[in-house]
Amino acid sequence: MRKKPNLAARMEKCASLLVAAPEAPRGRWLEEYGYGGLHVELGCGKGRFTVETAKAAPDIFIIALEKSADAMITALERAVSEELQNIRFINAPVENLDAFFAPGEVSRIYINFCDPWPANRHAKRRLTGRCFLELYIQALRPGGELHFKTDNLPLFEFSLREFNRAGFALREISNELHKNGPAGVMTDYELKFYNLGVPIHRCVAVRV
């Protein structure tokens, strides 16, 4: 990720949407912010999906985790420019998820176009691998959903196997999500690949 100019100053201007101490509201996010459901996006990148999803569901509180401040600043600035109040951002890696959310607190998790880590020796780093799935199972309420999208077919097939092994119920499995035209909110990355005709794979995994 290329370093963004004036990053510290730009982050300061967006401080109202950046959670400085995300451990503090653990277990009471909805009580503190007053929304009807809590969704978490893992790796928001430039934030197109985050912002458009928040606009479409104003009664849902969305928290975006992104470990790279250089990537997240664009998402923060987008949310600030739209004057959205139902979004907050956390500058931290996914490994810290259980420090931020109490068991059963989250109703939906989004994972969009994560790094596929194609080498077998790197399988533990994939966000849909079993080590990470244990974190998601803890954070999700019973019946909570994990929405996953990728353009990488081997990663998608790996993820379906991992979801099954972890006890998730799978639905809405698609290997050509946009075959009949745009479906749902796209990320910046997804929009680029849609315009190139690259197939997008998607599924919903339900915690049972």
N, C-alpha and C. Protein backbone atom coordinates (compact mmCIF):
# COMPACT_ATOMS: atom_id res chain seq x y z
N MET A 1 0.85 -1.20 0.00
CA MET A 1 0.00 0.00 0.00
C MET A 1 0.88 1.25 0.00
N ARG A 2 0.65 2.13 -0.97
CA ARG A 2 1.42 3.37 -1.06
C ARG A 2 1.09 4.30 0.10
N LYS A 3 2.11 4.92 0.66
CA LYS A 3 1.92 5.83 1.78
C LYS A 3 1.14 7.06 1.32
N LYS A 4 0.12 7.41 2.09
CA LYS A 4 -0.70 8.57 1.76
C LYS A 4 -0.07 9.85 2.32
N PRO A 5 -0.09 10.94 1.53
CA PRO A 5 0.47 12.20 2.02
C PRO A 5 -0.39 12.79 3.13
N ASN A 6 0.28 13.43 4.08
CA ASN A 6 -0.41 14.13 5.18
C ASN A 6 -1.36 13.21 5.93
N LEU A 7 -0.95 11.97 6.13
CA LEU A 7 -1.87 10.98 6.72
C LEU A 7 -2.33 11.38 8.12
N ALA A 8 -1.41 11.80 8.96
CA ALA A 8 -1.77 12.14 10.35
C ALA A 8 -2.80 13.25 10.41
N ALA A 9 -2.61 14.28 9.60
CA ALA A 9 -3.54 15.41 9.59
C ALA A 9 -4.90 14.99 9.04
N ARG A 10 -4.91 14.15 8.03
CA ARG A 10 -6.17 13.69 7.44
C ARG A 10 -6.92 12.79 8.42
N MET A 11 -6.18 11.94 9.13
CA MET A 11 -6.82 11.08 10.14
C MET A 11 -7.43 11.94 11.25
N GLU A 12 -6.76 12.99 11.64
CA GLU A 12 -7.26 13.86 12.70
C GLU A 12 -8.58 14.51 12.29
N LYS A 13 -8.72 14.89 11.03
CA LYS A 13 -9.95 15.50 10.56
C LYS A 13 -11.13 14.52 10.59
N CYS A 14 -10.81 13.22 10.57
CA CYS A 14 -11.86 12.19 10.57
C CYS A 14 -12.00 11.51 11.93
N ALA A 15 -11.43 12.13 12.95
CA ALA A 15 -11.36 11.49 14.27
C ALA A 15 -12.73 11.15 14.84
N SER A 16 -13.78 11.85 14.44
CA SER A 16 -15.11 11.60 14.99
C SER A 16 -15.63 10.21 14.64
N LEU A 17 -15.11 9.60 13.55
CA LEU A 17 -15.56 8.28 13.14
C LEU A 17 -14.55 7.18 13.44
N LEU A 18 -13.44 7.54 14.05
CA LEU A 18 -12.39 6.58 14.36
C LEU A 18 -12.45 6.25 15.86
N VAL A 19 -12.60 4.97 16.18
CA VAL A 19 -12.70 4.55 17.58
C VAL A 19 -11.29 4.37 18.13
N ALA A 20 -10.90 5.26 19.02
CA ALA A 20 -9.53 5.25 19.55
C ALA A 20 -9.29 4.11 20.53
N ALA A 21 -10.32 3.75 21.30
CA ALA A 21 -10.20 2.68 22.31
C ALA A 21 -11.32 1.67 22.10
N PRO A 22 -11.22 0.82 21.08
CA PRO A 22 -12.35 -0.07 20.73
C PRO A 22 -12.64 -1.15 21.78
N GLU A 23 -11.73 -1.37 22.72
CA GLU A 23 -12.01 -2.33 23.78
C GLU A 23 -13.07 -1.80 24.76
N ALA A 24 -13.18 -0.49 24.88
CA ALA A 24 -14.06 0.11 25.90
C ALA A 24 -15.54 -0.23 25.71
N PRO A 25 -16.11 -0.12 24.49
CA PRO A 25 -17.54 -0.43 24.34
C PRO A 25 -17.85 -1.91 24.10
N ARG A 26 -16.86 -2.79 24.29
CA ARG A 26 -17.08 -4.22 24.08
C ARG A 26 -18.29 -4.69 24.88
N GLY A 27 -19.23 -5.33 24.18
CA GLY A 27 -20.43 -5.84 24.82
C GLY A 27 -21.58 -4.86 24.90
N ARG A 28 -21.34 -3.61 24.53
CA ARG A 28 -22.43 -2.62 24.63
C ARG A 28 -22.39 -1.61 23.47
N TRP A 29 -21.94 -2.07 22.31
CA TRP A 29 -21.89 -1.19 21.15
C TRP A 29 -23.28 -0.63 20.82
N LEU A 30 -24.27 -1.50 20.75
CA LEU A 30 -25.61 -1.04 20.36
C LEU A 30 -26.24 -0.19 21.46
N GLU A 31 -25.98 -0.53 22.69
CA GLU A 31 -26.48 0.27 23.80
C GLU A 31 -25.89 1.68 23.76
N GLU A 32 -24.61 1.76 23.44
CA GLU A 32 -23.94 3.05 23.44
C GLU A 32 -24.32 3.91 22.25
N TYR A 33 -24.47 3.27 21.08
CA TYR A 33 -24.73 4.05 19.87
C TYR A 33 -26.20 4.04 19.44
N GLY A 34 -27.00 3.11 19.94
CA GLY A 34 -28.44 3.18 19.73
C GLY A 34 -28.93 2.74 18.37
N TYR A 35 -28.42 1.62 17.86
CA TYR A 35 -28.88 1.09 16.57
C TYR A 35 -29.47 -0.31 16.77
N GLY A 36 -30.13 -0.81 15.71
CA GLY A 36 -30.85 -2.06 15.83
C GLY A 36 -30.07 -3.32 15.56
N GLY A 37 -28.88 -3.19 15.01
CA GLY A 37 -28.07 -4.37 14.69
C GLY A 37 -26.63 -3.95 14.46
N LEU A 38 -25.71 -4.88 14.68
CA LEU A 38 -24.29 -4.58 14.56
C LEU A 38 -23.67 -5.44 13.46
N HIS A 39 -23.15 -4.78 12.44
CA HIS A 39 -22.43 -5.45 11.35
C HIS A 39 -20.97 -5.05 11.40
N VAL A 40 -20.09 -5.98 11.07
CA VAL A 40 -18.65 -5.73 11.09
C VAL A 40 -18.05 -6.11 9.74
N GLU A 41 -17.29 -5.19 9.16
CA GLU A 41 -16.58 -5.46 7.91
C GLU A 41 -15.10 -5.63 8.22
N LEU A 42 -14.53 -6.73 7.74
CA LEU A 42 -13.13 -7.03 8.00
C LEU A 42 -12.30 -6.65 6.77
N GLY A 43 -11.53 -5.57 6.89
CA GLY A 43 -10.72 -5.09 5.78
C GLY A 43 -11.53 -4.24 4.83
N CYS A 44 -11.77 -2.99 5.21
CA CYS A 44 -12.69 -2.14 4.42
C CYS A 44 -12.02 -1.50 3.21
N GLY A 45 -10.68 -1.50 3.16
CA GLY A 45 -10.02 -0.87 2.02
C GLY A 45 -10.42 0.58 1.87
N LYS A 46 -10.77 0.97 0.66
CA LYS A 46 -11.12 2.36 0.37
C LYS A 46 -12.55 2.73 0.76
N GLY A 47 -13.35 1.76 1.19
CA GLY A 47 -14.61 2.07 1.83
C GLY A 47 -15.83 2.24 0.97
N ARG A 48 -15.77 1.92 -0.31
CA ARG A 48 -16.98 2.06 -1.13
C ARG A 48 -18.09 1.18 -0.61
N PHE A 49 -17.77 -0.08 -0.32
CA PHE A 49 -18.78 -1.00 0.20
C PHE A 49 -19.30 -0.53 1.56
N THR A 50 -18.40 -0.10 2.42
CA THR A 50 -18.77 0.34 3.76
C THR A 50 -19.78 1.48 3.71
N VAL A 51 -19.45 2.49 2.93
CA VAL A 51 -20.28 3.69 2.87
C VAL A 51 -21.63 3.41 2.22
N GLU A 52 -21.61 2.70 1.10
CA GLU A 52 -22.87 2.42 0.40
C GLU A 52 -23.78 1.50 1.22
N THR A 53 -23.19 0.55 1.94
CA THR A 53 -23.98 -0.33 2.79
C THR A 53 -24.60 0.45 3.94
N ALA A 54 -23.85 1.35 4.54
CA ALA A 54 -24.38 2.18 5.63
C ALA A 54 -25.50 3.09 5.15
N LYS A 55 -25.37 3.62 3.96
CA LYS A 55 -26.43 4.48 3.41
C LYS A 55 -27.71 3.68 3.15
N ALA A 56 -27.55 2.44 2.73
CA ALA A 56 -28.72 1.62 2.40
C ALA A 56 -29.41 1.07 3.64
N ALA A 57 -28.71 1.03 4.78
CA ALA A 57 -29.29 0.48 6.01
C ALA A 57 -29.02 1.42 7.18
N PRO A 58 -29.72 2.56 7.23
CA PRO A 58 -29.43 3.56 8.27
C PRO A 58 -29.74 3.12 9.69
N ASP A 59 -30.49 2.02 9.85
CA ASP A 59 -30.80 1.53 11.20
C ASP A 59 -29.78 0.52 11.71
N ILE A 60 -28.78 0.21 10.88
CA ILE A 60 -27.73 -0.75 11.25
C ILE A 60 -26.44 -0.01 11.55
N PHE A 61 -25.75 -0.42 12.60
CA PHE A 61 -24.47 0.17 12.97
C PHE A 61 -23.37 -0.68 12.38
N ILE A 62 -22.48 -0.07 11.59
CA ILE A 62 -21.42 -0.79 10.88
C ILE A 62 -20.07 -0.36 11.42
N ILE A 63 -19.26 -1.35 11.79
CA ILE A 63 -17.89 -1.11 12.22
C ILE A 63 -16.96 -1.75 11.22
N ALA A 64 -16.03 -0.96 10.69
CA ALA A 64 -15.06 -1.45 9.71
C ALA A 64 -13.69 -1.56 10.36
N LEU A 65 -13.11 -2.76 10.29
CA LEU A 65 -11.74 -2.97 10.75
C LEU A 65 -10.80 -2.91 9.55
N GLU A 66 -9.72 -2.19 9.71
CA GLU A 66 -8.72 -2.11 8.65
C GLU A 66 -7.36 -1.87 9.31
N LYS A 67 -6.43 -2.78 9.06
CA LYS A 67 -5.13 -2.66 9.72
C LYS A 67 -4.23 -1.61 9.09
N SER A 68 -4.51 -1.23 7.85
CA SER A 68 -3.69 -0.23 7.16
C SER A 68 -4.36 1.14 7.21
N ALA A 69 -3.76 2.06 7.93
CA ALA A 69 -4.29 3.42 7.98
C ALA A 69 -4.23 4.08 6.61
N ASP A 70 -3.22 3.73 5.82
CA ASP A 70 -3.09 4.31 4.48
C ASP A 70 -4.25 3.89 3.58
N ALA A 71 -4.79 2.71 3.78
CA ALA A 71 -5.97 2.27 3.03
C ALA A 71 -7.23 2.88 3.62
N MET A 72 -7.31 2.89 4.94
CA MET A 72 -8.54 3.30 5.63
C MET A 72 -8.84 4.78 5.51
N ILE A 73 -7.84 5.61 5.29
CA ILE A 73 -8.10 7.05 5.27
C ILE A 73 -9.09 7.42 4.17
N THR A 74 -9.01 6.76 3.03
CA THR A 74 -9.96 7.05 1.96
C THR A 74 -11.38 6.69 2.38
N ALA A 75 -11.53 5.55 3.07
CA ALA A 75 -12.84 5.15 3.57
C ALA A 75 -13.37 6.14 4.60
N LEU A 76 -12.50 6.56 5.50
CA LEU A 76 -12.90 7.55 6.51
C LEU A 76 -13.37 8.84 5.86
N GLU A 77 -12.62 9.33 4.90
CA GLU A 77 -12.99 10.58 4.24
C GLU A 77 -14.28 10.44 3.46
N ARG A 78 -14.52 9.29 2.88
CA ARG A 78 -15.79 9.06 2.19
C ARG A 78 -16.96 9.14 3.17
N ALA A 79 -16.81 8.48 4.32
CA ALA A 79 -17.89 8.46 5.31
C ALA A 79 -18.14 9.85 5.89
N VAL A 80 -17.07 10.60 6.13
CA VAL A 80 -17.21 11.96 6.65
C VAL A 80 -17.91 12.85 5.64
N SER A 81 -17.53 12.73 4.36
CA SER A 81 -18.14 13.58 3.33
C SER A 81 -19.62 13.29 3.16
N GLU A 82 -20.04 12.05 3.45
CA GLU A 82 -21.46 11.68 3.36
C GLU A 82 -22.22 12.00 4.65
N GLU A 83 -21.50 12.46 5.67
CA GLU A 83 -22.08 12.79 6.98
C GLU A 83 -22.83 11.60 7.58
N LEU A 84 -22.24 10.43 7.44
CA LEU A 84 -22.86 9.22 7.97
C LEU A 84 -22.53 9.06 9.45
N GLN A 85 -23.54 8.71 10.23
CA GLN A 85 -23.36 8.54 11.66
C GLN A 85 -23.38 7.08 12.10
N ASN A 86 -23.82 6.19 11.22
CA ASN A 86 -23.93 4.77 11.59
C ASN A 86 -22.71 3.95 11.16
N ILE A 87 -21.56 4.60 11.05
CA ILE A 87 -20.29 3.93 10.74
C ILE A 87 -19.26 4.36 11.77
N ARG A 88 -18.42 3.40 12.18
CA ARG A 88 -17.21 3.70 12.92
C ARG A 88 -16.09 2.84 12.36
N PHE A 89 -14.86 3.29 12.53
CA PHE A 89 -13.70 2.59 12.00
C PHE A 89 -12.74 2.24 13.14
N ILE A 90 -12.13 1.08 13.02
CA ILE A 90 -11.12 0.64 13.96
C ILE A 90 -9.86 0.30 13.17
N ASN A 91 -8.76 0.93 13.53
CA ASN A 91 -7.47 0.70 12.87
C ASN A 91 -6.75 -0.43 13.61
N ALA A 92 -7.06 -1.67 13.23
CA ALA A 92 -6.51 -2.83 13.92
C ALA A 92 -6.66 -4.07 13.03
N PRO A 93 -5.85 -5.10 13.28
CA PRO A 93 -5.97 -6.34 12.51
C PRO A 93 -7.13 -7.21 13.00
N VAL A 94 -7.54 -8.14 12.16
CA VAL A 94 -8.66 -9.03 12.48
C VAL A 94 -8.35 -9.90 13.70
N GLU A 95 -7.09 -10.20 13.93
CA GLU A 95 -6.70 -11.05 15.06
C GLU A 95 -7.19 -10.49 16.40
N ASN A 96 -7.47 -9.21 16.46
CA ASN A 96 -7.91 -8.58 17.70
C ASN A 96 -9.43 -8.57 17.87
N LEU A 97 -10.15 -9.26 17.02
CA LEU A 97 -11.62 -9.17 16.99
C LEU A 97 -12.25 -9.46 18.35
N ASP A 98 -11.75 -10.49 19.04
CA ASP A 98 -12.39 -10.85 20.30
C ASP A 98 -12.16 -9.84 21.40
N ALA A 99 -11.18 -8.95 21.22
CA ALA A 99 -10.96 -7.88 22.20
C ALA A 99 -11.96 -6.75 22.05
N PHE A 100 -12.61 -6.68 20.88
CA PHE A 100 -13.51 -5.57 20.58
C PHE A 100 -14.99 -5.94 20.72
N PHE A 101 -15.31 -7.24 20.55
CA PHE A 101 -16.72 -7.65 20.52
C PHE A 101 -16.95 -8.82 21.48
N ALA A 102 -17.99 -8.71 22.28
CA ALA A 102 -18.35 -9.76 23.22
C ALA A 102 -19.00 -10.93 22.48
N PRO A 103 -18.99 -12.12 23.07
CA PRO A 103 -19.63 -13.26 22.42
C PRO A 103 -21.10 -12.98 22.07
N GLY A 104 -21.45 -13.27 20.81
CA GLY A 104 -22.82 -13.10 20.35
C GLY A 104 -23.25 -11.67 20.10
N GLU A 105 -22.32 -10.74 20.05
CA GLU A 105 -22.69 -9.32 19.92
C GLU A 105 -22.94 -8.90 18.47
N VAL A 106 -22.37 -9.60 17.53
CA VAL A 106 -22.40 -9.20 16.12
C VAL A 106 -23.45 -10.02 15.36
N SER A 107 -24.23 -9.36 14.52
CA SER A 107 -25.24 -10.07 13.74
C SER A 107 -24.78 -10.40 12.32
N ARG A 108 -23.75 -9.69 11.82
CA ARG A 108 -23.27 -9.99 10.47
C ARG A 108 -21.81 -9.56 10.34
N ILE A 109 -21.04 -10.39 9.62
CA ILE A 109 -19.65 -10.08 9.30
C ILE A 109 -19.49 -10.11 7.78
N TYR A 110 -18.80 -9.11 7.24
CA TYR A 110 -18.49 -9.06 5.81
C TYR A 110 -16.99 -9.29 5.61
N ILE A 111 -16.67 -10.19 4.69
CA ILE A 111 -15.29 -10.36 4.23
C ILE A 111 -15.30 -10.24 2.71
N ASN A 112 -14.73 -9.17 2.21
CA ASN A 112 -14.76 -8.89 0.78
C ASN A 112 -13.35 -8.87 0.20
N PHE A 113 -13.06 -9.82 -0.69
CA PHE A 113 -11.84 -9.80 -1.49
C PHE A 113 -10.58 -9.72 -0.62
N CYS A 114 -10.52 -10.61 0.37
CA CYS A 114 -9.34 -10.67 1.22
C CYS A 114 -8.17 -11.28 0.45
N ASP A 115 -6.98 -11.11 0.98
CA ASP A 115 -5.77 -11.68 0.38
C ASP A 115 -5.92 -13.20 0.31
N PRO A 116 -5.76 -13.82 -0.87
CA PRO A 116 -5.96 -15.27 -0.98
C PRO A 116 -4.82 -16.11 -0.40
N TRP A 117 -3.66 -15.51 -0.17
CA TRP A 117 -2.51 -16.27 0.34
C TRP A 117 -2.44 -17.63 -0.35
N PRO A 118 -2.10 -17.68 -1.63
CA PRO A 118 -2.23 -18.91 -2.42
C PRO A 118 -1.31 -20.05 -2.02
N ALA A 119 -0.16 -19.75 -1.44
CA ALA A 119 0.76 -20.84 -1.06
C ALA A 119 0.19 -21.65 0.11
N ASN A 120 0.32 -22.96 0.04
CA ASN A 120 -0.21 -23.82 1.09
C ASN A 120 0.38 -23.49 2.46
N ARG A 121 1.63 -23.07 2.48
CA ARG A 121 2.28 -22.77 3.76
C ARG A 121 1.69 -21.53 4.42
N HIS A 122 0.92 -20.75 3.65
CA HIS A 122 0.30 -19.53 4.17
C HIS A 122 -1.19 -19.69 4.46
N ALA A 123 -1.69 -20.92 4.42
CA ALA A 123 -3.13 -21.15 4.58
C ALA A 123 -3.66 -20.58 5.89
N LYS A 124 -2.84 -20.59 6.95
CA LYS A 124 -3.29 -20.09 8.24
C LYS A 124 -3.55 -18.59 8.22
N ARG A 125 -3.04 -17.90 7.22
CA ARG A 125 -3.23 -16.46 7.14
C ARG A 125 -4.53 -16.07 6.44
N ARG A 126 -5.17 -17.01 5.79
CA ARG A 126 -6.41 -16.70 5.06
C ARG A 126 -7.52 -16.38 6.05
N LEU A 127 -8.24 -15.30 5.80
CA LEU A 127 -9.27 -14.85 6.73
C LEU A 127 -10.46 -15.80 6.82
N THR A 128 -10.53 -16.77 5.92
CA THR A 128 -11.61 -17.75 5.99
C THR A 128 -11.11 -19.10 6.48
N GLY A 129 -9.90 -19.13 7.04
CA GLY A 129 -9.35 -20.35 7.61
C GLY A 129 -9.90 -20.61 9.00
N ARG A 130 -9.69 -21.83 9.49
CA ARG A 130 -10.35 -22.26 10.73
C ARG A 130 -9.96 -21.44 11.95
N CYS A 131 -8.71 -20.96 12.01
CA CYS A 131 -8.31 -20.15 13.17
C CYS A 131 -9.13 -18.87 13.26
N PHE A 132 -9.33 -18.23 12.13
CA PHE A 132 -10.13 -17.01 12.11
C PHE A 132 -11.61 -17.32 12.31
N LEU A 133 -12.07 -18.44 11.77
CA LEU A 133 -13.49 -18.78 11.92
C LEU A 133 -13.87 -18.95 13.38
N GLU A 134 -12.95 -19.40 14.21
CA GLU A 134 -13.23 -19.51 15.64
C GLU A 134 -13.54 -18.14 16.24
N LEU A 135 -12.83 -17.10 15.78
CA LEU A 135 -13.11 -15.74 16.24
C LEU A 135 -14.49 -15.29 15.80
N TYR A 136 -14.86 -15.60 14.56
CA TYR A 136 -16.15 -15.17 14.03
C TYR A 136 -17.30 -15.88 14.75
N ILE A 137 -17.12 -17.18 15.01
CA ILE A 137 -18.16 -17.93 15.71
C ILE A 137 -18.42 -17.34 17.09
N GLN A 138 -17.37 -16.94 17.75
CA GLN A 138 -17.52 -16.34 19.07
C GLN A 138 -18.24 -15.00 19.00
N ALA A 139 -17.91 -14.18 18.01
CA ALA A 139 -18.48 -12.84 17.92
C ALA A 139 -19.92 -12.85 17.43
N LEU A 140 -20.27 -13.80 16.54
CA LEU A 140 -21.60 -13.83 15.94
C LEU A 140 -22.65 -14.39 16.89
N ARG A 141 -23.84 -13.81 16.84
CA ARG A 141 -24.97 -14.37 17.58
C ARG A 141 -25.45 -15.62 16.86
N PRO A 142 -26.18 -16.51 17.52
CA PRO A 142 -26.78 -17.65 16.82
C PRO A 142 -27.68 -17.16 15.68
N GLY A 143 -27.47 -17.71 14.51
CA GLY A 143 -28.20 -17.24 13.33
C GLY A 143 -27.50 -16.10 12.63
N GLY A 144 -26.40 -15.61 13.21
CA GLY A 144 -25.63 -14.54 12.58
C GLY A 144 -24.98 -15.01 11.30
N GLU A 145 -24.69 -14.06 10.43
CA GLU A 145 -24.24 -14.40 9.07
C GLU A 145 -22.84 -13.88 8.77
N LEU A 146 -22.12 -14.67 8.00
CA LEU A 146 -20.84 -14.27 7.44
C LEU A 146 -21.01 -14.18 5.93
N HIS A 147 -20.88 -12.97 5.38
CA HIS A 147 -21.02 -12.75 3.93
C HIS A 147 -19.62 -12.66 3.33
N PHE A 148 -19.35 -13.53 2.36
CA PHE A 148 -18.00 -13.63 1.80
C PHE A 148 -18.04 -13.48 0.28
N LYS A 149 -17.14 -12.63 -0.25
CA LYS A 149 -17.00 -12.46 -1.69
C LYS A 149 -15.52 -12.48 -2.08
N THR A 150 -15.25 -13.07 -3.25
CA THR A 150 -13.89 -13.11 -3.76
C THR A 150 -13.92 -13.32 -5.26
N ASP A 151 -12.84 -12.94 -5.92
CA ASP A 151 -12.69 -13.25 -7.34
C ASP A 151 -11.78 -14.46 -7.53
N ASN A 152 -11.28 -15.04 -6.43
CA ASN A 152 -10.31 -16.12 -6.48
C ASN A 152 -11.02 -17.45 -6.24
N LEU A 153 -11.16 -18.26 -7.29
CA LEU A 153 -11.92 -19.52 -7.17
C LEU A 153 -11.27 -20.51 -6.21
N PRO A 154 -9.95 -20.73 -6.25
CA PRO A 154 -9.36 -21.65 -5.26
C PRO A 154 -9.62 -21.21 -3.82
N LEU A 155 -9.55 -19.91 -3.55
CA LEU A 155 -9.85 -19.42 -2.20
C LEU A 155 -11.31 -19.67 -1.86
N PHE A 156 -12.20 -19.48 -2.82
CA PHE A 156 -13.63 -19.69 -2.57
C PHE A 156 -13.91 -21.15 -2.23
N GLU A 157 -13.32 -22.07 -2.99
CA GLU A 157 -13.53 -23.49 -2.73
C GLU A 157 -12.94 -23.88 -1.38
N PHE A 158 -11.77 -23.37 -1.06
CA PHE A 158 -11.16 -23.60 0.26
C PHE A 158 -12.09 -23.09 1.36
N SER A 159 -12.65 -21.90 1.16
CA SER A 159 -13.50 -21.27 2.17
C SER A 159 -14.77 -22.06 2.40
N LEU A 160 -15.39 -22.56 1.34
CA LEU A 160 -16.59 -23.37 1.50
C LEU A 160 -16.31 -24.61 2.35
N ARG A 161 -15.16 -25.24 2.11
CA ARG A 161 -14.79 -26.41 2.91
C ARG A 161 -14.59 -26.03 4.37
N GLU A 162 -13.92 -24.91 4.61
CA GLU A 162 -13.66 -24.48 5.97
C GLU A 162 -14.95 -24.09 6.70
N PHE A 163 -15.85 -23.43 5.99
CA PHE A 163 -17.14 -23.06 6.60
C PHE A 163 -17.89 -24.33 7.03
N ASN A 164 -17.90 -25.32 6.15
CA ASN A 164 -18.58 -26.57 6.47
C ASN A 164 -17.96 -27.24 7.69
N ARG A 165 -16.66 -27.32 7.72
CA ARG A 165 -15.97 -27.98 8.83
C ARG A 165 -16.20 -27.26 10.16
N ALA A 166 -16.37 -25.95 10.09
CA ALA A 166 -16.59 -25.16 11.30
C ALA A 166 -18.03 -25.20 11.77
N GLY A 167 -18.92 -25.84 10.99
CA GLY A 167 -20.31 -25.98 11.40
C GLY A 167 -21.25 -24.91 10.92
N PHE A 168 -20.79 -24.06 9.99
CA PHE A 168 -21.68 -23.06 9.40
C PHE A 168 -22.64 -23.72 8.42
N ALA A 169 -23.84 -23.20 8.30
CA ALA A 169 -24.77 -23.60 7.25
C ALA A 169 -24.57 -22.67 6.06
N LEU A 170 -24.43 -23.23 4.88
CA LEU A 170 -24.13 -22.43 3.69
C LEU A 170 -25.38 -22.19 2.87
N ARG A 171 -25.51 -20.95 2.36
CA ARG A 171 -26.60 -20.63 1.44
C ARG A 171 -26.14 -19.52 0.50
N GLU A 172 -26.97 -19.27 -0.51
CA GLU A 172 -26.69 -18.21 -1.50
C GLU A 172 -25.30 -18.36 -2.11
N ILE A 173 -24.94 -19.59 -2.45
CA ILE A 173 -23.64 -19.84 -3.07
C ILE A 173 -23.73 -19.51 -4.55
N SER A 174 -22.82 -18.66 -5.02
CA SER A 174 -22.81 -18.27 -6.44
C SER A 174 -21.38 -18.18 -6.94
N ASN A 175 -21.16 -18.72 -8.14
CA ASN A 175 -19.86 -18.57 -8.79
C ASN A 175 -19.85 -17.48 -9.85
N GLU A 176 -21.01 -16.89 -10.09
CA GLU A 176 -21.10 -15.77 -11.03
C GLU A 176 -22.14 -14.79 -10.49
N LEU A 177 -21.78 -14.10 -9.45
CA LEU A 177 -22.72 -13.25 -8.73
C LEU A 177 -23.39 -12.23 -9.65
N HIS A 178 -22.63 -11.65 -10.56
CA HIS A 178 -23.16 -10.56 -11.40
C HIS A 178 -23.48 -11.03 -12.83
N LYS A 179 -23.78 -12.30 -12.98
CA LYS A 179 -24.04 -12.85 -14.31
C LYS A 179 -25.18 -12.13 -15.02
N ASN A 180 -26.21 -11.75 -14.26
CA ASN A 180 -27.38 -11.09 -14.85
C ASN A 180 -27.44 -9.60 -14.55
N GLY A 181 -26.27 -9.02 -14.29
CA GLY A 181 -26.20 -7.59 -13.96
C GLY A 181 -25.76 -7.39 -12.53
N PRO A 182 -25.43 -6.16 -12.17
CA PRO A 182 -24.92 -5.87 -10.83
C PRO A 182 -25.86 -6.36 -9.73
N ALA A 183 -25.28 -7.05 -8.73
CA ALA A 183 -26.07 -7.59 -7.62
C ALA A 183 -25.47 -7.11 -6.30
N GLY A 184 -26.21 -6.29 -5.60
CA GLY A 184 -25.75 -5.82 -4.30
C GLY A 184 -24.71 -4.72 -4.39
N VAL A 185 -24.21 -4.32 -3.24
CA VAL A 185 -23.21 -3.25 -3.16
C VAL A 185 -21.84 -3.82 -3.50
N MET A 186 -21.11 -3.13 -4.35
CA MET A 186 -19.78 -3.57 -4.76
C MET A 186 -18.69 -2.79 -4.04
N THR A 187 -17.55 -3.45 -3.87
CA THR A 187 -16.35 -2.74 -3.43
C THR A 187 -15.72 -2.06 -4.65
N ASP A 188 -14.75 -1.20 -4.41
CA ASP A 188 -14.01 -0.59 -5.53
C ASP A 188 -13.33 -1.66 -6.38
N TYR A 189 -12.72 -2.60 -5.71
CA TYR A 189 -12.03 -3.71 -6.37
C TYR A 189 -13.01 -4.52 -7.21
N GLU A 190 -14.16 -4.83 -6.64
CA GLU A 190 -15.18 -5.62 -7.32
C GLU A 190 -15.71 -4.91 -8.55
N LEU A 191 -15.94 -3.62 -8.45
CA LEU A 191 -16.46 -2.86 -9.59
C LEU A 191 -15.49 -2.91 -10.76
N LYS A 192 -14.20 -2.80 -10.46
CA LYS A 192 -13.19 -2.87 -11.51
C LYS A 192 -13.23 -4.23 -12.21
N PHE A 193 -13.32 -5.29 -11.44
CA PHE A 193 -13.33 -6.62 -12.03
C PHE A 193 -14.65 -6.95 -12.71
N TYR A 194 -15.74 -6.39 -12.21
CA TYR A 194 -17.02 -6.56 -12.89
C TYR A 194 -16.95 -5.97 -14.30
N ASN A 195 -16.36 -4.79 -14.42
CA ASN A 195 -16.24 -4.13 -15.72
C ASN A 195 -15.32 -4.90 -16.66
N LEU A 196 -14.43 -5.73 -16.11
CA LEU A 196 -13.55 -6.56 -16.92
C LEU A 196 -14.15 -7.93 -17.22
N GLY A 197 -15.32 -8.21 -16.64
CA GLY A 197 -15.98 -9.48 -16.87
C GLY A 197 -15.44 -10.63 -16.04
N VAL A 198 -14.72 -10.33 -14.96
CA VAL A 198 -14.17 -11.37 -14.09
C VAL A 198 -15.28 -11.91 -13.19
N PRO A 199 -15.48 -13.23 -13.12
CA PRO A 199 -16.54 -13.79 -12.27
C PRO A 199 -16.27 -13.51 -10.78
N ILE A 200 -17.33 -13.20 -10.06
CA ILE A 200 -17.25 -12.96 -8.63
C ILE A 200 -17.99 -14.09 -7.91
N HIS A 201 -17.33 -14.65 -6.90
CA HIS A 201 -17.89 -15.76 -6.13
C HIS A 201 -18.39 -15.23 -4.79
N ARG A 202 -19.55 -15.73 -4.35
CA ARG A 202 -20.13 -15.23 -3.10
C ARG A 202 -20.89 -16.34 -2.39
N CYS A 203 -20.89 -16.27 -1.07
CA CYS A 203 -21.74 -17.16 -0.28
C CYS A 203 -22.08 -16.48 1.04
N VAL A 204 -23.09 -17.01 1.70
CA VAL A 204 -23.46 -16.61 3.05
C VAL A 204 -23.32 -17.83 3.94
N ALA A 205 -22.54 -17.70 5.02
CA ALA A 205 -22.37 -18.77 5.99
C ALA A 205 -23.08 -18.38 7.28
N VAL A 206 -23.97 -19.23 7.75
CA VAL A 206 -24.82 -18.91 8.90
C VAL A 206 -24.33 -19.69 10.12
N ARG A 207 -24.16 -18.98 11.24
CA ARG A 207 -23.80 -19.64 12.49
C ARG A 207 -25.02 -20.33 13.06
N VAL A 208 -24.92 -21.65 13.22
CA VAL A 208 -26.07 -22.43 13.70
C VAL A 208 -25.74 -23.00 15.07
